[in-house]
Amino acid sequence: MVEKRSQRAPAAKLAPLWERLEGQIAWYDKKAAASQRAYKVTKATIIVLALAIPVIAEYAHFESFERAPAFLVAICAGGILLLEGLLHINKWHENWILYRSTCEGLRNEQHLFFEKAGPYAKLKPAEAQQALAERTGALVMAEHSKWVHDRNEKAETTTGG
């Protein structure tokens, strides 16, 4: 039977650090999944709206449609513009990649620590715990710095500054 990661926590003394690491992994996993879902749903909707435009235009000559095709084409085009704007402002694709990368980096550190491999191989338990805290903290801070940088770029883009 496969044991849960939280059940593999090496020692009671490590519990707060391990719980925080598990919490960070869960948060990044959840945020990556939400960003991926938002990005893919938005892109699929854009594709459907773009596909609808030529179809609507092709059947514009039917009498029952009269002025409806122009209105529907305008709605589709406006929807595409709105969704592309939301993609640009919310950066769902970039966030998906950034959050997934950070999540997998944290999982890798967790695995290396648990297996006493890589940078943890020859360290005493207290030193390994400190190294884990520092290395996972560095991963999270790098992600946070990139996120702040991207938000500042977004603010400059939207305000014209």
Protein backbone atom coordinates (compact mmCIF):
# COMPACT_ATOMS: atom_id res chain seq x y z
CA MET A 1 0.00 0.00 0.00
CA VAL A 2 1.26 3.49 -0.84
CA GLU A 3 1.80 5.66 2.21
CA LYS A 4 0.90 9.34 2.24
CA ARG A 5 3.69 11.89 2.22
CA SER A 6 2.65 13.32 5.57
CA GLN A 7 2.93 9.84 7.10
CA ARG A 8 6.55 9.69 5.94
CA ALA A 9 7.62 12.75 7.98
CA PRO A 10 11.03 11.70 9.36
CA ALA A 11 10.74 12.84 12.98
CA ALA A 12 8.43 14.63 15.38
CA LYS A 13 10.98 17.45 15.72
CA LEU A 14 10.63 18.00 11.96
CA ALA A 15 6.82 18.13 12.06
CA PRO A 16 6.33 21.95 11.82
CA LEU A 17 8.76 22.24 8.91
CA TRP A 18 7.28 19.19 7.20
CA GLU A 19 3.71 20.46 7.69
CA ARG A 20 4.65 23.83 6.24
CA LEU A 21 6.30 22.14 3.26
CA GLU A 22 3.23 19.95 2.72
CA GLY A 23 1.04 23.07 2.94
CA GLN A 24 3.17 24.91 0.39
CA ILE A 25 3.11 21.96 -1.99
CA ALA A 26 -0.66 21.71 -1.65
CA TRP A 27 -1.10 25.47 -2.22
CA TYR A 28 1.09 25.56 -5.33
CA ASP A 29 -0.55 22.39 -6.67
CA LYS A 30 -4.02 23.89 -6.21
CA LYS A 31 -3.06 27.25 -7.72
CA ALA A 32 -1.32 25.59 -10.68
CA ALA A 33 -4.41 23.48 -11.37
CA ALA A 34 -6.72 26.52 -11.11
CA SER A 35 -4.53 28.59 -13.44
CA GLN A 36 -4.30 25.71 -15.91
CA ARG A 37 -8.07 25.28 -15.87
CA ALA A 38 -8.73 29.03 -16.33
CA TYR A 39 -6.22 29.21 -19.17
CA LYS A 40 -7.53 26.16 -21.03
CA VAL A 41 -11.22 27.07 -20.62
CA THR A 42 -10.54 30.61 -21.82
CA LYS A 43 -8.50 29.45 -24.81
CA ALA A 44 -11.11 26.83 -25.76
CA THR A 45 -13.84 29.47 -25.59
CA ILE A 46 -11.79 31.79 -27.81
CA ILE A 47 -11.38 29.00 -30.36
CA VAL A 48 -15.12 28.25 -30.35
CA LEU A 49 -16.00 31.95 -30.77
CA ALA A 50 -13.45 32.33 -33.58
CA LEU A 51 -14.85 29.25 -35.28
CA ALA A 52 -18.40 30.62 -34.96
CA ILE A 53 -17.62 33.84 -36.85
CA PRO A 54 -17.16 32.33 -40.34
CA VAL A 55 -20.05 29.92 -39.77
CA ILE A 56 -22.37 32.78 -38.86
CA ALA A 57 -21.10 34.85 -41.79
CA GLU A 58 -21.68 31.95 -44.21
CA TYR A 59 -25.33 31.58 -43.23
CA ALA A 60 -26.05 35.33 -43.18
CA HIS A 61 -27.93 35.17 -46.47
CA PHE A 62 -30.88 33.23 -44.99
CA GLU A 63 -34.00 35.39 -44.64
CA SER A 64 -34.76 34.21 -41.12
CA PHE A 65 -31.46 35.64 -39.91
CA GLU A 66 -31.83 39.17 -41.35
CA ARG A 67 -29.70 41.41 -39.09
CA ALA A 68 -28.82 38.74 -36.55
CA PRO A 69 -25.55 37.60 -38.19
CA ALA A 70 -23.86 40.98 -37.87
CA PHE A 71 -24.92 41.15 -34.25
CA LEU A 72 -23.71 37.60 -33.53
CA VAL A 73 -20.40 38.21 -35.29
CA ALA A 74 -19.93 41.36 -33.21
CA ILE A 75 -20.73 39.41 -30.01
CA CYS A 76 -18.21 36.70 -30.92
CA ALA A 77 -15.51 39.24 -31.80
CA GLY A 78 -16.17 41.18 -28.61
CA GLY A 79 -16.01 37.96 -26.60
CA ILE A 80 -12.68 37.07 -28.14
CA LEU A 81 -11.31 40.52 -27.35
CA LEU A 82 -12.55 40.34 -23.75
CA LEU A 83 -11.13 36.86 -23.17
CA GLU A 84 -7.75 37.73 -24.70
CA GLY A 85 -7.64 40.77 -22.44
CA LEU A 86 -8.39 38.62 -19.40
CA LEU A 87 -5.64 36.19 -20.43
CA HIS A 88 -3.18 39.06 -20.66
CA ILE A 89 -4.19 40.69 -17.38
CA ASN A 90 -4.48 37.55 -15.26
CA LYS A 91 -1.48 35.74 -16.79
CA TRP A 92 -3.06 32.33 -16.25
CA HIS A 93 -0.61 30.56 -18.56
CA GLU A 94 2.44 32.12 -16.92
CA ASN A 95 1.07 31.45 -13.43
CA TRP A 96 0.26 27.85 -14.30
CA ILE A 97 3.86 27.24 -15.38
CA LEU A 98 5.37 29.19 -12.49
CA TYR A 99 3.22 27.52 -9.82
CA ARG A 100 3.71 24.05 -11.29
CA SER A 101 7.47 24.57 -11.46
CA THR A 102 7.62 25.74 -7.84
CA CYS A 103 5.39 22.86 -6.70
CA GLU A 104 7.59 20.29 -8.43
CA GLY A 105 10.74 21.93 -7.03
CA LEU A 106 9.31 21.68 -3.52
CA ARG A 107 8.34 18.04 -4.10
CA ASN A 108 11.85 17.31 -5.33
CA GLU A 109 13.40 18.87 -2.22
CA GLN A 110 11.00 16.87 -0.05
CA HIS A 111 11.96 13.66 -1.82
CA LEU A 112 15.70 14.35 -1.64
CA PHE A 113 15.43 15.15 2.06
CA PHE A 114 13.39 12.07 2.86
CA GLU A 115 15.76 9.80 0.93
CA LYS A 116 18.85 11.55 2.36
CA ALA A 117 20.06 12.16 -1.18
CA GLY A 118 21.60 15.04 -3.09
CA PRO A 119 22.50 17.97 -0.87
CA TYR A 120 21.18 16.13 2.22
CA ALA A 121 23.25 12.97 1.77
CA LYS A 122 26.09 13.68 4.19
CA LEU A 123 24.39 16.05 6.60
CA LYS A 124 23.47 15.44 10.22
CA PRO A 125 19.70 15.54 10.86
CA ALA A 126 19.74 19.08 12.28
CA GLU A 127 21.86 20.35 9.39
CA ALA A 128 19.64 18.58 6.86
CA GLN A 129 16.55 20.13 8.43
CA GLN A 130 18.13 23.58 8.24
CA ALA A 131 19.17 22.99 4.63
CA LEU A 132 15.63 21.87 3.76
CA ALA A 133 14.16 25.03 5.31
CA GLU A 134 16.66 27.24 3.48
CA ARG A 135 16.33 25.51 0.11
CA THR A 136 12.52 25.41 0.14
CA GLY A 137 12.44 29.00 1.37
CA ALA A 138 14.68 30.00 -1.54
CA LEU A 139 12.35 28.27 -4.02
CA VAL A 140 9.31 30.07 -2.62
CA MET A 141 11.09 33.43 -2.50
CA ALA A 142 12.26 33.04 -6.11
CA GLU A 143 8.67 32.35 -7.17
CA HIS A 144 7.42 35.29 -5.12
CA SER A 145 9.99 37.65 -6.65
CA LYS A 146 9.00 36.57 -10.15
CA TRP A 147 5.31 37.01 -9.28
CA VAL A 148 5.92 40.55 -7.92
CA HIS A 149 7.97 41.42 -11.00
CA ASP A 150 5.21 40.17 -13.31
CA ARG A 151 2.55 42.11 -11.36
CA ASN A 152 4.60 45.30 -11.64
CA GLU A 153 4.93 44.77 -15.38
CA LYS A 154 1.17 44.20 -15.59
CA ALA A 155 0.48 47.43 -13.66
CA GLU A 156 2.77 49.40 -15.98
CA THR A 157 1.12 47.86 -19.04
CA THR A 158 -2.43 48.60 -17.87
CA THR A 159 -1.71 52.14 -16.65
CA GLY A 160 0.45 53.03 -19.63
CA GLY A 161 3.44 53.91 -17.41
